Amino acid sequence: MRSAPTHAAVPARAGPSYVSKTDMVAALIRELIITGELAAGEQLRQRDLAERFHVSQTPVREAMRRLESEGLILGDTHRGFTVVEPDGGRVEENFQIRAALESLGASLAARKIDATGIGRLQDLNASMLALADDDPRYAELNREFHFTVYQYAHSPLLLSLMRLLWASLHGGPRVARTHAESASQHNAILDALRAGDAEAAAARTYQHIMGAEHVTGP
């Protein structure tokens, strides 16, 4: 009897963890918009970005088309691609969406967060409180505080949506209140998370986001 033919092992196809060059470039540009390194109205040059990310211009062009469909950048026949200028009405709507989604995230996190997460949030809040109101480091610490809450919701979809939403706010949300006021509201959210009170965590988060005057400019 002839034995069954043997075949060389075929490498498994890349699973969901595979990231294409277009995915990578889109994520990098999105992050630059989130942090404000790419400012509203700034022109994006494909060649410069390709050199910056060490890729060809093709994935850069595809990434820009994707970000255009997300509303983060705008394509123009003459100017090429530029970061979208903030619109007052749309920014207000985005804050409302953010309040709804982040309230959900806080509710989920209240059921899952551990002592390490609570400690991290306390440290971040203390660091923010120690800064002067005009210290530029505050924005990044604030972003880390909120994204730590999102991460403890253990929802990849929510985390992805919040990254897109913060990107649409061009450098992250900016509000007209003191660091002391924000820290006090963060502490109220922390108390609810520490107690595992999902309803209170959601309500206090919503009040924190919607209870401030939103600033659309730099």
C-alpha atoms as a PDB file:
ATOM      1  CA  MET A   1       0.000   0.000   0.000  1.00  0.00           C
ATOM      2  CA  ARG A   2       1.284   3.373  -0.955  1.00  0.00           C
ATOM      3  CA  SER A   3       1.629   5.731   1.930  1.00  0.00           C
ATOM      4  CA  ALA A   4      -0.237   9.016   1.871  1.00  0.00           C
ATOM      5  CA  PRO A   5       1.865  11.790   0.387  1.00  0.00           C
ATOM      6  CA  THR A   6       3.430  14.151   2.829  1.00  0.00           C
ATOM      7  CA  HIS A   7       3.235  17.878   2.423  1.00  0.00           C
ATOM      8  CA  ALA A   8       5.433  20.624   3.726  1.00  0.00           C
ATOM      9  CA  ALA A   9       3.902  22.502   6.571  1.00  0.00           C
ATOM     10  CA  VAL A  10       2.081  25.582   5.389  1.00  0.00           C
ATOM     11  CA  PRO A  11       2.512  28.612   7.646  1.00  0.00           C
ATOM     12  CA  ALA A  12      -0.730  29.667   9.271  1.00  0.00           C
ATOM     13  CA  ARG A  13      -2.228  32.791   7.835  1.00  0.00           C
ATOM     14  CA  ALA A  14      -1.958  35.862   9.940  1.00  0.00           C
ATOM     15  CA  GLY A  15      -4.822  36.163  12.406  1.00  0.00           C
ATOM     16  CA  PRO A  16      -6.605  39.215  13.733  1.00  0.00           C
ATOM     17  CA  SER A  17      -3.363  40.471  15.301  1.00  0.00           C
ATOM     18  CA  TYR A  18      -1.843  41.162  11.857  1.00  0.00           C
ATOM     19  CA  VAL A  19      -1.398  44.863  11.188  1.00  0.00           C
ATOM     20  CA  SER A  20      -0.878  46.080   7.620  1.00  0.00           C
ATOM     21  CA  LYS A  21       1.291  49.058   6.750  1.00  0.00           C
ATOM     22  CA  THR A  22      -1.857  51.033   5.996  1.00  0.00           C
ATOM     23  CA  ASP A  23      -3.277  50.156   9.442  1.00  0.00           C
ATOM     24  CA  MET A  24      -0.007  51.150  11.079  1.00  0.00           C
ATOM     25  CA  VAL A  25       0.272  54.486   9.258  1.00  0.00           C
ATOM     26  CA  ALA A  26      -3.392  55.330   9.912  1.00  0.00           C
ATOM     27  CA  ALA A  27      -2.899  54.621  13.617  1.00  0.00           C
ATOM     28  CA  LEU A  28       0.263  56.734  13.778  1.00  0.00           C
ATOM     29  CA  ILE A  29      -1.310  59.719  12.019  1.00  0.00           C
ATOM     30  CA  ARG A  30      -4.428  59.379  14.178  1.00  0.00           C
ATOM     31  CA  GLU A  31      -2.235  59.434  17.288  1.00  0.00           C
ATOM     32  CA  LEU A  32      -0.445  62.576  16.080  1.00  0.00           C
ATOM     33  CA  ILE A  33      -3.825  64.262  15.672  1.00  0.00           C
ATOM     34  CA  ILE A  34      -4.947  63.070  19.118  1.00  0.00           C
ATOM     35  CA  THR A  35      -1.861  64.525  20.794  1.00  0.00           C
ATOM     36  CA  GLY A  36      -2.072  67.744  18.804  1.00  0.00           C
ATOM     37  CA  GLU A  37       1.323  67.258  17.160  1.00  0.00           C
ATOM     38  CA  LEU A  38      -0.545  67.583  13.872  1.00  0.00           C
ATOM     39  CA  ALA A  39      -2.526  70.776  14.360  1.00  0.00           C
ATOM     40  CA  ALA A  40      -5.937  71.628  12.928  1.00  0.00           C
ATOM     41  CA  GLY A  41      -5.529  73.037   9.420  1.00  0.00           C
ATOM     42  CA  GLU A  42      -2.019  71.613   9.006  1.00  0.00           C
ATOM     43  CA  GLN A  43      -1.197  70.293   5.544  1.00  0.00           C
ATOM     44  CA  LEU A  44      -0.128  66.644   5.343  1.00  0.00           C
ATOM     45  CA  ARG A  45       2.511  65.785   2.742  1.00  0.00           C
ATOM     46  CA  GLN A  46       2.587  62.156   1.666  1.00  0.00           C
ATOM     47  CA  ARG A  47       6.317  62.144   0.924  1.00  0.00           C
ATOM     48  CA  ASP A  48       7.221  63.605   4.322  1.00  0.00           C
ATOM     49  CA  LEU A  49       5.001  61.130   6.157  1.00  0.00           C
ATOM     50  CA  ALA A  50       6.347  58.211   4.126  1.00  0.00           C
ATOM     51  CA  GLU A  51       9.905  59.181   5.106  1.00  0.00           C
ATOM     52  CA  ARG A  52       8.877  59.700   8.721  1.00  0.00           C
ATOM     53  CA  PHE A  53       7.277  56.242   9.013  1.00  0.00           C
ATOM     54  CA  HIS A  54       9.806  54.472   6.734  1.00  0.00           C
ATOM     55  CA  VAL A  55       7.203  53.226   4.253  1.00  0.00           C
ATOM     56  CA  SER A  56       6.329  53.909   0.627  1.00  0.00           C
ATOM     57  CA  GLN A  57       3.779  56.552  -0.283  1.00  0.00           C
ATOM     58  CA  THR A  58       1.132  53.929  -1.142  1.00  0.00           C
ATOM     59  CA  PRO A  59       0.165  52.978   2.463  1.00  0.00           C
ATOM     60  CA  VAL A  60       0.327  56.670   3.399  1.00  0.00           C
ATOM     61  CA  ARG A  61      -2.127  57.538   0.631  1.00  0.00           C
ATOM     62  CA  GLU A  62      -4.442  54.664   1.629  1.00  0.00           C
ATOM     63  CA  ALA A  63      -4.238  55.678   5.299  1.00  0.00           C
ATOM     64  CA  MET A  64      -5.172  59.245   4.420  1.00  0.00           C
ATOM     65  CA  ARG A  65      -8.211  58.068   2.513  1.00  0.00           C
ATOM     66  CA  ARG A  66      -9.271  56.080   5.553  1.00  0.00           C
ATOM     67  CA  LEU A  67      -8.782  59.019   7.900  1.00  0.00           C
ATOM     68  CA  GLU A  68     -10.710  61.225   5.478  1.00  0.00           C
ATOM     69  CA  SER A  69     -13.649  58.810   5.706  1.00  0.00           C
ATOM     70  CA  GLU A  70     -13.405  59.091   9.515  1.00  0.00           C
ATOM     71  CA  GLY A  71     -13.658  62.877   9.239  1.00  0.00           C
ATOM     72  CA  LEU A  72     -10.218  63.539  10.725  1.00  0.00           C
ATOM     73  CA  ILE A  73      -8.591  64.979   7.613  1.00  0.00           C
ATOM     74  CA  LEU A  74      -9.883  66.683   4.494  1.00  0.00           C
ATOM     75  CA  GLY A  75      -8.770  66.043   0.915  1.00  0.00           C
ATOM     76  CA  ASP A  76      -8.616  68.912  -1.552  1.00  0.00           C
ATOM     77  CA  THR A  77      -7.591  68.857  -5.222  1.00  0.00           C
ATOM     78  CA  HIS A  78      -5.270  71.830  -4.821  1.00  0.00           C
ATOM     79  CA  ARG A  79      -4.056  71.643  -1.199  1.00  0.00           C
ATOM     80  CA  GLY A  80      -3.954  67.884  -0.793  1.00  0.00           C
ATOM     81  CA  PHE A  81      -4.823  66.584   2.683  1.00  0.00           C
ATOM     82  CA  THR A  82      -5.150  68.779   5.774  1.00  0.00           C
ATOM     83  CA  VAL A  83      -6.183  68.133   9.371  1.00  0.00           C
ATOM     84  CA  VAL A  84      -9.839  69.115   9.738  1.00  0.00           C
ATOM     85  CA  GLU A  85     -10.524  72.420  11.471  1.00  0.00           C
ATOM     86  CA  PRO A  86     -12.731  72.038  14.572  1.00  0.00           C
ATOM     87  CA  ASP A  87     -16.360  73.037  14.190  1.00  0.00           C
ATOM     88  CA  GLY A  88     -18.115  74.398  17.275  1.00  0.00           C
ATOM     89  CA  GLY A  89     -21.372  72.521  16.733  1.00  0.00           C
ATOM     90  CA  ARG A  90     -19.671  69.251  15.924  1.00  0.00           C
ATOM     91  CA  VAL A  91     -17.317  69.562  18.899  1.00  0.00           C
ATOM     92  CA  GLU A  92     -20.352  69.933  21.189  1.00  0.00           C
ATOM     93  CA  GLU A  93     -21.924  66.831  19.656  1.00  0.00           C
ATOM     94  CA  ASN A  94     -18.661  64.938  20.083  1.00  0.00           C
ATOM     95  CA  PHE A  95     -18.575  65.847  23.772  1.00  0.00           C
ATOM     96  CA  GLN A  96     -22.109  64.483  24.137  1.00  0.00           C
ATOM     97  CA  ILE A  97     -21.074  61.248  22.446  1.00  0.00           C
ATOM     98  CA  ARG A  98     -17.946  61.113  24.575  1.00  0.00           C
ATOM     99  CA  ALA A  99     -19.999  61.603  27.747  1.00  0.00           C
ATOM    100  CA  ALA A 100     -22.288  58.715  26.800  1.00  0.00           C
ATOM    101  CA  LEU A 101     -19.469  56.342  25.839  1.00  0.00           C
ATOM    102  CA  GLU A 102     -17.167  57.239  28.713  1.00  0.00           C
ATOM    103  CA  SER A 103     -20.016  56.871  31.186  1.00  0.00           C
ATOM    104  CA  LEU A 104     -20.513  53.361  29.834  1.00  0.00           C
ATOM    105  CA  GLY A 105     -16.777  52.739  30.160  1.00  0.00           C
ATOM    106  CA  ALA A 106     -16.760  53.905  33.781  1.00  0.00           C
ATOM    107  CA  SER A 107     -19.735  51.680  34.519  1.00  0.00           C
ATOM    108  CA  LEU A 108     -17.946  48.642  33.074  1.00  0.00           C
ATOM    109  CA  ALA A 109     -14.657  49.555  34.778  1.00  0.00           C
ATOM    110  CA  ALA A 110     -16.371  49.791  38.194  1.00  0.00           C
ATOM    111  CA  ARG A 111     -17.130  46.074  37.932  1.00  0.00           C
ATOM    112  CA  LYS A 112     -13.618  45.073  36.868  1.00  0.00           C
ATOM    113  CA  ILE A 113     -10.980  47.511  38.126  1.00  0.00           C
ATOM    114  CA  ASP A 114      -8.455  46.241  40.689  1.00  0.00           C
ATOM    115  CA  ALA A 115      -6.292  47.858  43.349  1.00  0.00           C
ATOM    116  CA  THR A 116      -3.492  48.427  40.829  1.00  0.00           C
ATOM    117  CA  GLY A 117      -5.842  50.375  38.566  1.00  0.00           C
ATOM    118  CA  ILE A 118      -7.181  52.455  41.433  1.00  0.00           C
ATOM    119  CA  GLY A 119      -3.633  53.227  42.544  1.00  0.00           C
ATOM    120  CA  ARG A 120      -2.630  54.264  39.039  1.00  0.00           C
ATOM    121  CA  LEU A 121      -5.592  56.626  38.758  1.00  0.00           C
ATOM    122  CA  GLN A 122      -4.818  58.142  42.176  1.00  0.00           C
ATOM    123  CA  ASP A 123      -1.189  58.765  41.175  1.00  0.00           C
ATOM    124  CA  LEU A 124      -2.216  60.390  37.886  1.00  0.00           C
ATOM    125  CA  ASN A 125      -4.752  62.609  39.595  1.00  0.00           C
ATOM    126  CA  ALA A 126      -2.215  63.694  42.212  1.00  0.00           C
ATOM    127  CA  SER A 127       0.300  64.522  39.468  1.00  0.00           C
ATOM    128  CA  MET A 128      -2.266  66.639  37.630  1.00  0.00           C
ATOM    129  CA  LEU A 129      -3.241  68.508  40.783  1.00  0.00           C
ATOM    130  CA  ALA A 130       0.406  69.425  41.416  1.00  0.00           C
ATOM    131  CA  LEU A 131       0.733  71.199  38.056  1.00  0.00           C
ATOM    132  CA  ALA A 132       0.033  74.843  37.352  1.00  0.00           C
ATOM    133  CA  ASP A 133      -3.116  75.465  35.329  1.00  0.00           C
ATOM    134  CA  ASP A 134      -1.085  76.475  32.280  1.00  0.00           C
ATOM    135  CA  ASP A 135       1.339  73.520  32.414  1.00  0.00           C
ATOM    136  CA  PRO A 136       1.289  71.705  29.042  1.00  0.00           C
ATOM    137  CA  ARG A 137       1.971  68.353  30.726  1.00  0.00           C
ATOM    138  CA  TYR A 138      -1.539  68.347  32.147  1.00  0.00           C
ATOM    139  CA  ALA A 139      -3.211  67.339  28.865  1.00  0.00           C
ATOM    140  CA  GLU A 140      -1.205  64.116  28.519  1.00  0.00           C
ATOM    141  CA  LEU A 141      -1.747  63.153  32.175  1.00  0.00           C
ATOM    142  CA  ASN A 142      -5.460  63.809  31.813  1.00  0.00           C
ATOM    143  CA  ARG A 143      -5.586  61.683  28.680  1.00  0.00           C
ATOM    144  CA  GLU A 144      -3.786  58.859  30.501  1.00  0.00           C
ATOM    145  CA  PHE A 145      -6.231  59.107  33.404  1.00  0.00           C
ATOM    146  CA  HIS A 146      -9.275  58.739  31.168  1.00  0.00           C
ATOM    147  CA  PHE A 147      -7.764  56.029  28.982  1.00  0.00           C
ATOM    148  CA  THR A 148      -6.806  54.045  32.083  1.00  0.00           C
ATOM    149  CA  VAL A 149     -10.509  53.967  32.946  1.00  0.00           C
ATOM    150  CA  TYR A 150     -11.341  52.867  29.380  1.00  0.00           C
ATOM    151  CA  GLN A 151      -8.744  50.094  29.558  1.00  0.00           C
ATOM    152  CA  TYR A 152     -10.262  48.679  32.747  1.00  0.00           C
ATOM    153  CA  ALA A 153     -13.613  48.405  30.973  1.00  0.00           C
ATOM    154  CA  HIS A 154     -11.886  45.551  29.084  1.00  0.00           C
ATOM    155  CA  SER A 155     -13.717  46.413  25.870  1.00  0.00           C
ATOM    156  CA  PRO A 156     -11.446  46.649  22.800  1.00  0.00           C
ATOM    157  CA  LEU A 157     -14.312  48.151  20.804  1.00  0.00           C
ATOM    158  CA  LEU A 158     -14.918  50.901  23.371  1.00  0.00           C
ATOM    159  CA  LEU A 159     -11.195  51.672  23.541  1.00  0.00           C
ATOM    160  CA  SER A 160     -11.013  51.955  19.751  1.00  0.00           C
ATOM    161  CA  LEU A 161     -14.056  54.222  19.625  1.00  0.00           C
ATOM    162  CA  MET A 162     -12.633  56.494  22.316  1.00  0.00           C
ATOM    163  CA  ARG A 163      -9.346  56.831  20.431  1.00  0.00           C
ATOM    164  CA  LEU A 164     -11.273  57.916  17.334  1.00  0.00           C
ATOM    165  CA  LEU A 165     -13.388  60.305  19.358  1.00  0.00           C
ATOM    166  CA  TRP A 166     -10.432  61.982  21.071  1.00  0.00           C
ATOM    167  CA  ALA A 167      -8.789  62.294  17.657  1.00  0.00           C
ATOM    168  CA  SER A 168     -11.844  64.161  16.408  1.00  0.00           C
ATOM    169  CA  LEU A 169     -11.365  66.657  19.272  1.00  0.00           C
ATOM    170  CA  HIS A 170      -7.943  67.614  17.832  1.00  0.00           C
ATOM    171  CA  GLY A 171      -5.441  67.264  20.639  1.00  0.00           C
ATOM    172  CA  GLY A 172      -7.956  65.900  23.109  1.00  0.00           C
ATOM    173  CA  PRO A 173     -10.793  67.613  24.950  1.00  0.00           C
ATOM    174  CA  ARG A 174     -10.050  71.073  26.341  1.00  0.00           C
ATOM    175  CA  VAL A 175     -12.262  72.628  28.971  1.00  0.00           C
ATOM    176  CA  ALA A 176     -12.337  75.896  30.912  1.00  0.00           C
ATOM    177  CA  ARG A 177     -11.879  74.831  34.534  1.00  0.00           C
ATOM    178  CA  THR A 178      -9.032  74.674  37.021  1.00  0.00           C
ATOM    179  CA  HIS A 179      -6.959  71.605  37.740  1.00  0.00           C
ATOM    180  CA  ALA A 180      -8.331  71.613  41.275  1.00  0.00           C
ATOM    181  CA  GLU A 181     -11.899  71.378  39.946  1.00  0.00           C
ATOM    182  CA  SER A 182     -10.973  68.527  37.610  1.00  0.00           C
ATOM    183  CA  ALA A 183      -9.093  66.702  40.371  1.00  0.00           C
ATOM    184  CA  SER A 184     -12.081  66.957  42.685  1.00  0.00           C
ATOM    185  CA  GLN A 185     -14.351  65.486  40.021  1.00  0.00           C
ATOM    186  CA  HIS A 186     -11.794  62.765  39.251  1.00  0.00           C
ATOM    187  CA  ASN A 187     -11.764  61.879  42.954  1.00  0.00           C
ATOM    188  CA  ALA A 188     -15.558  61.521  42.939  1.00  0.00           C
ATOM    189  CA  ILE A 189     -15.266  59.120  39.990  1.00  0.00           C
ATOM    190  CA  LEU A 190     -12.477  57.267  41.800  1.00  0.00           C
ATOM    191  CA  ASP A 191     -14.633  56.850  44.908  1.00  0.00           C
ATOM    192  CA  ALA A 192     -17.352  55.231  42.806  1.00  0.00           C
ATOM    193  CA  LEU A 193     -14.856  52.958  41.023  1.00  0.00           C
ATOM    194  CA  ARG A 194     -13.275  51.949  44.337  1.00  0.00           C
ATOM    195  CA  ALA A 195     -16.717  51.078  45.728  1.00  0.00           C
ATOM    196  CA  GLY A 196     -17.631  49.117  42.605  1.00  0.00           C
ATOM    197  CA  ASP A 197     -20.671  51.370  42.164  1.00  0.00           C
ATOM    198  CA  ALA A 198     -21.277  51.237  38.412  1.00  0.00           C
ATOM    199  CA  GLU A 199     -24.262  53.600  38.469  1.00  0.00           C
ATOM    200  CA  ALA A 200     -22.447  56.305  40.438  1.00  0.00           C
ATOM    201  CA  ALA A 201     -19.300  55.937  38.301  1.00  0.00           C
ATOM    202  CA  ALA A 202     -21.361  56.486  35.153  1.00  0.00           C
ATOM    203  CA  ALA A 203     -23.290  59.463  36.571  1.00  0.00           C
ATOM    204  CA  ARG A 204     -20.204  61.235  37.942  1.00  0.00           C
ATOM    205  CA  THR A 205     -18.321  60.683  34.707  1.00  0.00           C
ATOM    206  CA  TYR A 206     -21.165  62.161  32.682  1.00  0.00           C
ATOM    207  CA  GLN A 207     -21.309  65.219  34.958  1.00  0.00           C
ATOM    208  CA  HIS A 208     -17.523  65.610  34.744  1.00  0.00           C
ATOM    209  CA  ILE A 209     -17.575  65.751  30.952  1.00  0.00           C
ATOM    210  CA  MET A 210     -20.732  67.753  30.334  1.00  0.00           C
ATOM    211  CA  GLY A 211     -20.468  70.068  33.346  1.00  0.00           C
ATOM    212  CA  ALA A 212     -17.598  72.136  31.941  1.00  0.00           C
ATOM    213  CA  GLU A 213     -17.371  74.844  29.323  1.00  0.00           C
ATOM    214  CA  HIS A 214     -15.793  73.289  26.244  1.00  0.00           C
ATOM    215  CA  VAL A 215     -12.972  75.090  24.493  1.00  0.00           C
ATOM    216  CA  THR A 216     -12.589  74.468  20.768  1.00  0.00           C
ATOM    217  CA  GLY A 217      -9.474  76.538  20.198  1.00  0.00           C
ATOM    218  CA  PRO A 218      -5.868  75.808  21.252  1.00  0.00           C
END
